[in-house]
Amino acid sequence: MKTAILMLILITLNQDKSSQVIYDFKDSKYLDNWHVIDDRVMGGLSRGNVKLTETGNAIYFGDVTTENNGGFSSLRYQFNSKDVSGFNKVAIKLKGDGTLYQFRIKSDKRERFSYVSNFKTSGNRETIIIPLNKFTPQFRGRKVNVQNFKGDKMEEIAFLIGNKIKESFKLEIESIMLLK
């Protein structure tokens, strides 16, 4: 009887396609495919780090400096192409530090530009919800002449801090999901 009830619950959960997990840090013991890329690639001096907490969240933290023409740090995750055509929002469960960040999407990881949306954290645990059609195409902070994100596929997501000021940052990330 318990097995039949469990099977019914699993079937019901699988039928609910109103959300799709892109990444849930609680389901992972490693940060495979998550990479910090700082302005150091261009001679800057900013430094970002990422680690897992005991509770299973990721902490992305560090210092951004504008010295030596620097000014950004990013945390990126690449994955096999995901069909996201049935979804229209991204939901990020996190706890920020009151700072402005960017969430970035690439539909093709080989493209030089990303689709970008800014969000400001409150300092509390919260869920940031961003409509996919509000992500604008940018390359190095400049808008490019491409339409907003079509919402068809994803191959990379990223968090970026680059507010053109010297600042420390700390962003605790629980999960990233797609919503209908």
C-alpha atoms as a PDB file:
ATOM      1  CA  MET A   1       0.000   0.000   0.000  1.00  0.00           C
ATOM      2  CA  LYS A   2       2.827   2.440   0.897  1.00  0.00           C
ATOM      3  CA  THR A   3       4.518   1.707  -2.417  1.00  0.00           C
ATOM      4  CA  ALA A   4       1.312   2.458  -4.349  1.00  0.00           C
ATOM      5  CA  ILE A   5       0.852   5.772  -2.533  1.00  0.00           C
ATOM      6  CA  LEU A   6       4.480   6.733  -3.146  1.00  0.00           C
ATOM      7  CA  MET A   7       4.128   5.886  -6.855  1.00  0.00           C
ATOM      8  CA  LEU A   8       0.977   8.016  -7.078  1.00  0.00           C
ATOM      9  CA  ILE A   9       2.779  10.952  -5.460  1.00  0.00           C
ATOM     10  CA  LEU A  10       5.746  10.611  -7.852  1.00  0.00           C
ATOM     11  CA  ILE A  11       3.437  10.437 -10.886  1.00  0.00           C
ATOM     12  CA  THR A  12       1.572  13.540  -9.688  1.00  0.00           C
ATOM     13  CA  LEU A  13       4.809  15.455  -9.140  1.00  0.00           C
ATOM     14  CA  ASN A  14       6.078  14.520 -12.594  1.00  0.00           C
ATOM     15  CA  GLN A  15       2.858  15.808 -14.170  1.00  0.00           C
ATOM     16  CA  ASP A  16       3.351  19.246 -12.602  1.00  0.00           C
ATOM     17  CA  LYS A  17       5.422  20.992 -15.253  1.00  0.00           C
ATOM     18  CA  SER A  18       4.817  24.521 -13.968  1.00  0.00           C
ATOM     19  CA  SER A  19       8.465  24.753 -12.941  1.00  0.00           C
ATOM     20  CA  GLN A  20      11.830  23.338 -13.926  1.00  0.00           C
ATOM     21  CA  VAL A  21      14.957  23.389 -11.804  1.00  0.00           C
ATOM     22  CA  ILE A  22      18.002  24.852 -13.487  1.00  0.00           C
ATOM     23  CA  TYR A  23      20.159  24.343 -10.387  1.00  0.00           C
ATOM     24  CA  ASP A  24      19.444  23.536  -6.743  1.00  0.00           C
ATOM     25  CA  PHE A  25      22.553  23.691  -4.592  1.00  0.00           C
ATOM     26  CA  LYS A  26      20.982  21.419  -1.966  1.00  0.00           C
ATOM     27  CA  ASP A  27      20.986  18.609  -4.547  1.00  0.00           C
ATOM     28  CA  SER A  28      24.721  18.923  -5.145  1.00  0.00           C
ATOM     29  CA  LYS A  29      27.743  18.296  -2.965  1.00  0.00           C
ATOM     30  CA  TYR A  30      30.070  19.933  -5.466  1.00  0.00           C
ATOM     31  CA  LEU A  31      30.274  23.103  -7.500  1.00  0.00           C
ATOM     32  CA  ASP A  32      31.161  21.334 -10.742  1.00  0.00           C
ATOM     33  CA  ASN A  33      30.692  23.578 -13.786  1.00  0.00           C
ATOM     34  CA  TRP A  34      30.401  26.735 -11.624  1.00  0.00           C
ATOM     35  CA  HIS A  35      33.302  29.091 -12.373  1.00  0.00           C
ATOM     36  CA  VAL A  36      34.290  32.488 -11.024  1.00  0.00           C
ATOM     37  CA  ILE A  37      35.562  34.872 -13.694  1.00  0.00           C
ATOM     38  CA  ASP A  38      36.800  38.246 -12.482  1.00  0.00           C
ATOM     39  CA  ASP A  39      38.151  41.356 -14.153  1.00  0.00           C
ATOM     40  CA  ARG A  40      41.576  39.758 -13.589  1.00  0.00           C
ATOM     41  CA  VAL A  41      41.215  38.342 -17.128  1.00  0.00           C
ATOM     42  CA  MET A  42      41.674  41.971 -18.287  1.00  0.00           C
ATOM     43  CA  GLY A  43      44.264  43.041 -15.702  1.00  0.00           C
ATOM     44  CA  GLY A  44      41.854  44.057 -12.924  1.00  0.00           C
ATOM     45  CA  LEU A  45      42.265  43.220  -9.257  1.00  0.00           C
ATOM     46  CA  SER A  46      38.767  42.076  -8.191  1.00  0.00           C
ATOM     47  CA  ARG A  47      38.435  38.672  -6.590  1.00  0.00           C
ATOM     48  CA  GLY A  48      35.351  36.496  -6.264  1.00  0.00           C
ATOM     49  CA  ASN A  49      35.010  33.109  -4.579  1.00  0.00           C
ATOM     50  CA  VAL A  50      32.316  30.467  -4.226  1.00  0.00           C
ATOM     51  CA  LYS A  51      31.798  27.775  -1.601  1.00  0.00           C
ATOM     52  CA  LEU A  52      29.028  25.522  -0.330  1.00  0.00           C
ATOM     53  CA  THR A  53      27.562  26.100   3.137  1.00  0.00           C
ATOM     54  CA  GLU A  54      26.739  23.388   5.652  1.00  0.00           C
ATOM     55  CA  THR A  55      23.050  23.955   4.857  1.00  0.00           C
ATOM     56  CA  GLY A  56      23.653  23.249   1.161  1.00  0.00           C
ATOM     57  CA  ASN A  57      23.539  26.752  -0.326  1.00  0.00           C
ATOM     58  CA  ALA A  58      26.249  28.407  -2.385  1.00  0.00           C
ATOM     59  CA  ILE A  59      27.945  31.540  -1.083  1.00  0.00           C
ATOM     60  CA  TYR A  60      29.348  33.777  -3.808  1.00  0.00           C
ATOM     61  CA  PHE A  61      31.508  36.414  -2.124  1.00  0.00           C
ATOM     62  CA  GLY A  62      34.498  38.639  -2.626  1.00  0.00           C
ATOM     63  CA  ASP A  63      35.711  42.128  -3.347  1.00  0.00           C
ATOM     64  CA  VAL A  64      35.306  44.264  -6.438  1.00  0.00           C
ATOM     65  CA  THR A  65      37.749  47.069  -7.072  1.00  0.00           C
ATOM     66  CA  THR A  66      38.046  49.566  -9.904  1.00  0.00           C
ATOM     67  CA  GLU A  67      41.824  49.675  -9.502  1.00  0.00           C
ATOM     68  CA  ASN A  68      43.824  48.838 -12.622  1.00  0.00           C
ATOM     69  CA  ASN A  69      40.689  49.350 -14.791  1.00  0.00           C
ATOM     70  CA  GLY A  70      38.846  46.571 -12.974  1.00  0.00           C
ATOM     71  CA  GLY A  71      35.324  46.491 -11.682  1.00  0.00           C
ATOM     72  CA  PHE A  72      33.526  43.134 -11.934  1.00  0.00           C
ATOM     73  CA  SER A  73      33.263  39.573 -10.719  1.00  0.00           C
ATOM     74  CA  SER A  74      31.020  36.860 -12.124  1.00  0.00           C
ATOM     75  CA  LEU A  75      29.918  33.350 -11.230  1.00  0.00           C
ATOM     76  CA  ARG A  76      28.992  31.249 -14.266  1.00  0.00           C
ATOM     77  CA  TYR A  77      27.410  27.865 -14.861  1.00  0.00           C
ATOM     78  CA  GLN A  78      27.411  26.157 -18.268  1.00  0.00           C
ATOM     79  CA  PHE A  79      25.250  23.153 -19.113  1.00  0.00           C
ATOM     80  CA  ASN A  80      23.920  21.194 -22.060  1.00  0.00           C
ATOM     81  CA  SER A  81      21.289  23.039 -24.048  1.00  0.00           C
ATOM     82  CA  LYS A  82      17.958  23.231 -22.173  1.00  0.00           C
ATOM     83  CA  ASP A  83      14.643  23.728 -23.946  1.00  0.00           C
ATOM     84  CA  VAL A  84      12.979  26.497 -21.930  1.00  0.00           C
ATOM     85  CA  SER A  85      10.268  27.383 -24.445  1.00  0.00           C
ATOM     86  CA  GLY A  86       7.408  26.478 -22.090  1.00  0.00           C
ATOM     87  CA  PHE A  87       8.507  28.893 -19.377  1.00  0.00           C
ATOM     88  CA  ASN A  88       8.315  32.666 -19.046  1.00  0.00           C
ATOM     89  CA  LYS A  89      10.064  33.550 -15.742  1.00  0.00           C
ATOM     90  CA  VAL A  90      13.170  32.707 -13.785  1.00  0.00           C
ATOM     91  CA  ALA A  91      12.972  32.474  -9.970  1.00  0.00           C
ATOM     92  CA  ILE A  92      16.108  32.756  -7.847  1.00  0.00           C
ATOM     93  CA  LYS A  93      15.952  31.873  -4.147  1.00  0.00           C
ATOM     94  CA  LEU A  94      18.705  33.766  -2.355  1.00  0.00           C
ATOM     95  CA  LYS A  95      19.849  35.993   0.447  1.00  0.00           C
ATOM     96  CA  GLY A  96      21.731  39.069  -0.682  1.00  0.00           C
ATOM     97  CA  ASP A  97      23.518  41.915   0.980  1.00  0.00           C
ATOM     98  CA  GLY A  98      21.440  44.838  -0.310  1.00  0.00           C
ATOM     99  CA  THR A  99      23.638  45.183  -3.390  1.00  0.00           C
ATOM    100  CA  LEU A 100      22.702  45.412  -7.081  1.00  0.00           C
ATOM    101  CA  TYR A 101      23.563  42.307  -9.137  1.00  0.00           C
ATOM    102  CA  GLN A 102      22.948  41.039 -12.638  1.00  0.00           C
ATOM    103  CA  PHE A 103      21.506  37.671 -13.591  1.00  0.00           C
ATOM    104  CA  ARG A 104      22.682  36.682 -17.041  1.00  0.00           C
ATOM    105  CA  ILE A 105      21.526  34.085 -19.574  1.00  0.00           C
ATOM    106  CA  LYS A 106      23.184  32.765 -22.696  1.00  0.00           C
ATOM    107  CA  SER A 107      21.075  30.863 -25.177  1.00  0.00           C
ATOM    108  CA  ASP A 108      24.291  29.749 -26.881  1.00  0.00           C
ATOM    109  CA  LYS A 109      27.452  29.582 -24.758  1.00  0.00           C
ATOM    110  CA  ARG A 110      29.542  30.435 -27.843  1.00  0.00           C
ATOM    111  CA  GLU A 111      27.854  33.844 -28.236  1.00  0.00           C
ATOM    112  CA  ARG A 112      29.876  36.780 -26.960  1.00  0.00           C
ATOM    113  CA  PHE A 113      26.865  38.641 -25.574  1.00  0.00           C
ATOM    114  CA  SER A 114      24.547  37.692 -22.714  1.00  0.00           C
ATOM    115  CA  TYR A 115      20.939  38.483 -21.929  1.00  0.00           C
ATOM    116  CA  VAL A 116      20.977  40.571 -18.749  1.00  0.00           C
ATOM    117  CA  SER A 117      18.581  41.605 -16.008  1.00  0.00           C
ATOM    118  CA  ASN A 118      19.546  43.668 -12.955  1.00  0.00           C
ATOM    119  CA  PHE A 119      18.139  42.911  -9.519  1.00  0.00           C
ATOM    120  CA  LYS A 120      18.680  44.470  -6.117  1.00  0.00           C
ATOM    121  CA  THR A 121      18.797  42.291  -3.039  1.00  0.00           C
ATOM    122  CA  SER A 122      17.068  43.272   0.193  1.00  0.00           C
ATOM    123  CA  GLY A 123      19.442  41.727   2.728  1.00  0.00           C
ATOM    124  CA  ASN A 124      16.797  39.102   3.605  1.00  0.00           C
ATOM    125  CA  ARG A 125      15.965  35.680   2.208  1.00  0.00           C
ATOM    126  CA  GLU A 126      13.813  36.250  -0.844  1.00  0.00           C
ATOM    127  CA  THR A 127      12.795  34.930  -4.230  1.00  0.00           C
ATOM    128  CA  ILE A 128      13.703  37.185  -7.141  1.00  0.00           C
ATOM    129  CA  ILE A 129      11.345  36.615 -10.096  1.00  0.00           C
ATOM    130  CA  ILE A 130      12.332  37.995 -13.495  1.00  0.00           C
ATOM    131  CA  PRO A 131      10.259  37.640 -16.702  1.00  0.00           C
ATOM    132  CA  LEU A 132      12.416  36.046 -19.411  1.00  0.00           C
ATOM    133  CA  ASN A 133      11.304  38.598 -22.024  1.00  0.00           C
ATOM    134  CA  LYS A 134      12.841  41.402 -19.880  1.00  0.00           C
ATOM    135  CA  PHE A 135      16.399  40.099 -20.362  1.00  0.00           C
ATOM    136  CA  THR A 136      18.200  42.514 -22.697  1.00  0.00           C
ATOM    137  CA  PRO A 137      21.211  41.606 -24.865  1.00  0.00           C
ATOM    138  CA  GLN A 138      24.483  43.185 -23.695  1.00  0.00           C
ATOM    139  CA  PHE A 139      28.177  42.843 -24.359  1.00  0.00           C
ATOM    140  CA  ARG A 140      30.606  44.403 -21.878  1.00  0.00           C
ATOM    141  CA  GLY A 141      27.857  46.595 -20.433  1.00  0.00           C
ATOM    142  CA  ARG A 142      26.607  47.894 -23.771  1.00  0.00           C
ATOM    143  CA  LYS A 143      23.315  46.989 -25.408  1.00  0.00           C
ATOM    144  CA  VAL A 144      23.672  45.067 -28.659  1.00  0.00           C
ATOM    145  CA  ASN A 145      21.293  45.186 -31.615  1.00  0.00           C
ATOM    146  CA  VAL A 146      19.544  41.882 -30.957  1.00  0.00           C
ATOM    147  CA  GLN A 147      15.993  41.344 -29.691  1.00  0.00           C
ATOM    148  CA  ASN A 148      15.390  40.538 -26.013  1.00  0.00           C
ATOM    149  CA  PHE A 149      15.702  36.928 -24.890  1.00  0.00           C
ATOM    150  CA  LYS A 150      13.309  34.778 -26.919  1.00  0.00           C
ATOM    151  CA  GLY A 151      12.942  32.212 -24.169  1.00  0.00           C
ATOM    152  CA  ASP A 152      13.657  29.182 -26.325  1.00  0.00           C
ATOM    153  CA  LYS A 153      16.877  27.637 -24.974  1.00  0.00           C
ATOM    154  CA  MET A 154      19.619  28.166 -22.371  1.00  0.00           C
ATOM    155  CA  GLU A 155      23.211  26.987 -22.164  1.00  0.00           C
ATOM    156  CA  GLU A 156      24.662  29.291 -19.492  1.00  0.00           C
ATOM    157  CA  ILE A 157      23.542  31.319 -16.492  1.00  0.00           C
ATOM    158  CA  ALA A 158      25.611  33.743 -14.455  1.00  0.00           C
ATOM    159  CA  PHE A 159      25.583  36.192 -11.590  1.00  0.00           C
ATOM    160  CA  LEU A 160      27.648  39.355 -12.024  1.00  0.00           C
ATOM    161  CA  ILE A 161      28.494  42.259  -9.780  1.00  0.00           C
ATOM    162  CA  GLY A 162      29.960  45.314 -11.477  1.00  0.00           C
ATOM    163  CA  ASN A 163      28.605  48.530  -9.994  1.00  0.00           C
ATOM    164  CA  LYS A 164      31.646  50.672 -10.899  1.00  0.00           C
ATOM    165  CA  ILE A 165      32.547  51.116  -7.227  1.00  0.00           C
ATOM    166  CA  LYS A 166      34.891  49.449  -4.772  1.00  0.00           C
ATOM    167  CA  GLU A 167      32.777  47.082  -2.667  1.00  0.00           C
ATOM    168  CA  SER A 168      32.664  43.753  -0.883  1.00  0.00           C
ATOM    169  CA  PHE A 169      29.809  41.411  -1.733  1.00  0.00           C
ATOM    170  CA  LYS A 170      28.101  38.271  -0.467  1.00  0.00           C
ATOM    171  CA  LEU A 171      25.269  36.453  -2.196  1.00  0.00           C
ATOM    172  CA  GLU A 172      23.868  33.208  -0.752  1.00  0.00           C
ATOM    173  CA  ILE A 173      22.101  31.233  -3.482  1.00  0.00           C
ATOM    174  CA  GLU A 174      19.724  28.342  -2.810  1.00  0.00           C
ATOM    175  CA  SER A 175      18.219  27.577  -6.231  1.00  0.00           C
ATOM    176  CA  ILE A 176      17.463  28.835  -9.733  1.00  0.00           C
ATOM    177  CA  MET A 177      14.221  27.696 -11.392  1.00  0.00           C
ATOM    178  CA  LEU A 178      12.079  28.375 -14.432  1.00  0.00           C
ATOM    179  CA  LEU A 179       8.385  29.160 -13.955  1.00  0.00           C
ATOM    180  CA  LYS A 180       5.384  29.259 -16.254  1.00  0.00           C
END
